[in-house]
Amino acid sequence: MKLTKKFGKRLKEIRKRRNISQEELAELIGMEPNNISKLESGGHLPKKENLEKLCDVLEIEPKELFDFGHLKSKNELIEELIAAINKFSLKDLQYLKKIIDAYIETK
């Protein structure tokens, strides 16, 4: 996934967590709402001064906007889970199975 797409997903995630609409965010940093939409859709990265404004308004450090570790595809997550599970003991697997079963029952 391209950097601009990852940045956009991360920005949207943080903005929503703060319960701020695109329009509100745009107003707070002095941008047009369609520019926020372009950022979140991965159209482009913000200019330095807008990046600083985003961080101020969202009350975050710039590095948080570039923390993409959790933005993985389903296949990437499955591969990582399989690799981790293959290292488990039988007892650990039995315990994990109980957790998964309990989780499924709540759905």
Protein backbone atom coordinates (compact mmCIF):
# COMPACT_ATOMS: atom_id res chain seq x y z
CA MET A 1 0.00 0.00 0.00
CA LYS A 2 1.29 3.44 -0.91
CA LEU A 3 2.43 5.90 1.74
CA THR A 4 -0.28 8.39 0.81
CA LYS A 5 -2.99 5.73 1.26
CA LYS A 6 -1.59 4.62 4.61
CA PHE A 7 -1.32 8.23 5.77
CA GLY A 8 -4.91 8.90 4.71
CA LYS A 9 -6.27 5.89 6.55
CA ARG A 10 -4.36 6.84 9.67
CA LEU A 11 -5.51 10.48 9.53
CA LYS A 12 -9.14 9.40 9.14
CA GLU A 13 -8.81 6.93 12.01
CA ILE A 14 -7.39 9.59 14.36
CA ARG A 15 -9.90 12.24 13.25
CA LYS A 16 -12.84 9.90 13.87
CA ARG A 17 -11.45 8.87 17.25
CA ARG A 18 -11.51 12.57 18.18
CA ASN A 19 -15.12 12.86 16.92
CA ILE A 20 -14.22 15.61 14.46
CA SER A 21 -15.84 15.82 11.03
CA GLN A 22 -13.81 16.55 7.92
CA GLU A 23 -15.49 19.95 7.74
CA GLU A 24 -14.61 20.78 11.35
CA LEU A 25 -11.02 19.68 10.88
CA ALA A 26 -10.72 21.72 7.71
CA GLU A 27 -12.03 24.81 9.48
CA LEU A 28 -9.73 24.32 12.47
CA ILE A 29 -6.60 24.14 10.31
CA GLY A 30 -7.66 26.59 7.61
CA MET A 31 -8.09 24.18 4.72
CA GLU A 32 -10.92 23.44 2.34
CA PRO A 33 -12.95 20.33 3.31
CA ASN A 34 -12.24 18.74 -0.07
CA ASN A 35 -8.51 18.91 0.74
CA ILE A 36 -9.09 16.90 3.93
CA SER A 37 -11.01 14.40 1.83
CA LYS A 38 -8.09 14.19 -0.62
CA LEU A 39 -5.67 13.60 2.26
CA GLU A 40 -7.84 10.84 3.73
CA SER A 41 -8.36 9.13 0.39
CA GLY A 42 -4.62 9.01 -0.20
CA GLY A 43 -4.54 11.64 -2.93
CA HIS A 44 -1.57 13.44 -1.45
CA LEU A 45 0.39 14.19 1.70
CA PRO A 46 -0.01 17.48 3.57
CA LYS A 47 2.47 20.30 3.32
CA LYS A 48 4.74 20.73 6.34
CA GLU A 49 2.75 23.64 7.77
CA ASN A 50 -0.52 21.73 7.40
CA LEU A 51 1.01 18.64 9.00
CA GLU A 52 1.93 20.76 12.01
CA LYS A 53 -1.60 22.20 12.17
CA LEU A 54 -3.12 18.72 11.94
CA CYS A 55 -0.98 17.54 14.83
CA ASP A 56 -1.87 20.58 16.94
CA VAL A 57 -5.61 20.23 16.34
CA LEU A 58 -5.62 16.45 16.81
CA GLU A 59 -3.30 16.78 19.83
CA ILE A 60 -0.82 14.21 18.56
CA GLU A 61 2.85 13.96 17.70
CA PRO A 62 3.65 13.82 13.96
CA LYS A 63 4.96 10.27 14.27
CA GLU A 64 1.45 9.09 15.20
CA LEU A 65 0.21 9.99 11.72
CA PHE A 66 2.88 7.70 10.27
CA ASP A 67 2.33 4.75 12.61
CA PHE A 68 0.92 2.24 10.14
CA GLY A 69 1.78 -1.02 11.90
CA HIS A 70 -1.86 -1.94 12.45
CA LEU A 71 -2.93 -1.21 8.86
CA LYS A 72 -2.34 -4.68 7.47
CA SER A 73 -4.33 -6.67 4.98
CA LYS A 74 -6.38 -9.66 6.01
CA ASN A 75 -3.87 -12.00 4.36
CA GLU A 76 -0.94 -10.37 6.18
CA LEU A 77 -2.74 -10.76 9.51
CA ILE A 78 -3.60 -14.40 8.78
CA GLU A 79 0.03 -15.17 7.90
CA GLU A 80 1.25 -13.52 11.11
CA LEU A 81 -1.32 -15.39 13.19
CA ILE A 82 -0.41 -18.72 11.61
CA ALA A 83 3.29 -18.09 12.25
CA ALA A 84 2.56 -17.27 15.89
CA ILE A 85 0.18 -20.23 16.37
CA ASN A 86 2.76 -22.64 14.94
CA LYS A 87 5.01 -21.75 17.89
CA PHE A 88 2.34 -22.53 20.53
CA SER A 89 2.39 -25.60 22.74
CA LEU A 90 -0.60 -27.93 22.78
CA LYS A 91 -1.74 -26.38 26.07
CA ASP A 92 -1.48 -22.87 24.60
CA LEU A 93 -3.47 -23.96 21.54
CA GLN A 94 -6.21 -25.43 23.71
CA TYR A 95 -6.42 -22.19 25.67
CA LEU A 96 -6.48 -20.10 22.49
CA LYS A 97 -9.28 -22.29 21.10
CA LYS A 98 -11.37 -21.60 24.21
CA ILE A 99 -10.83 -17.85 23.79
CA ILE A 100 -11.82 -17.99 20.12
CA ASP A 101 -14.90 -20.06 20.90
CA ALA A 102 -15.97 -17.61 23.62
CA TYR A 103 -15.43 -14.69 21.22
CA ILE A 104 -17.51 -16.36 18.49
CA GLU A 105 -20.35 -17.00 20.95
CA THR A 106 -20.58 -13.27 21.68
CA LYS A 107 -21.03 -12.39 17.99
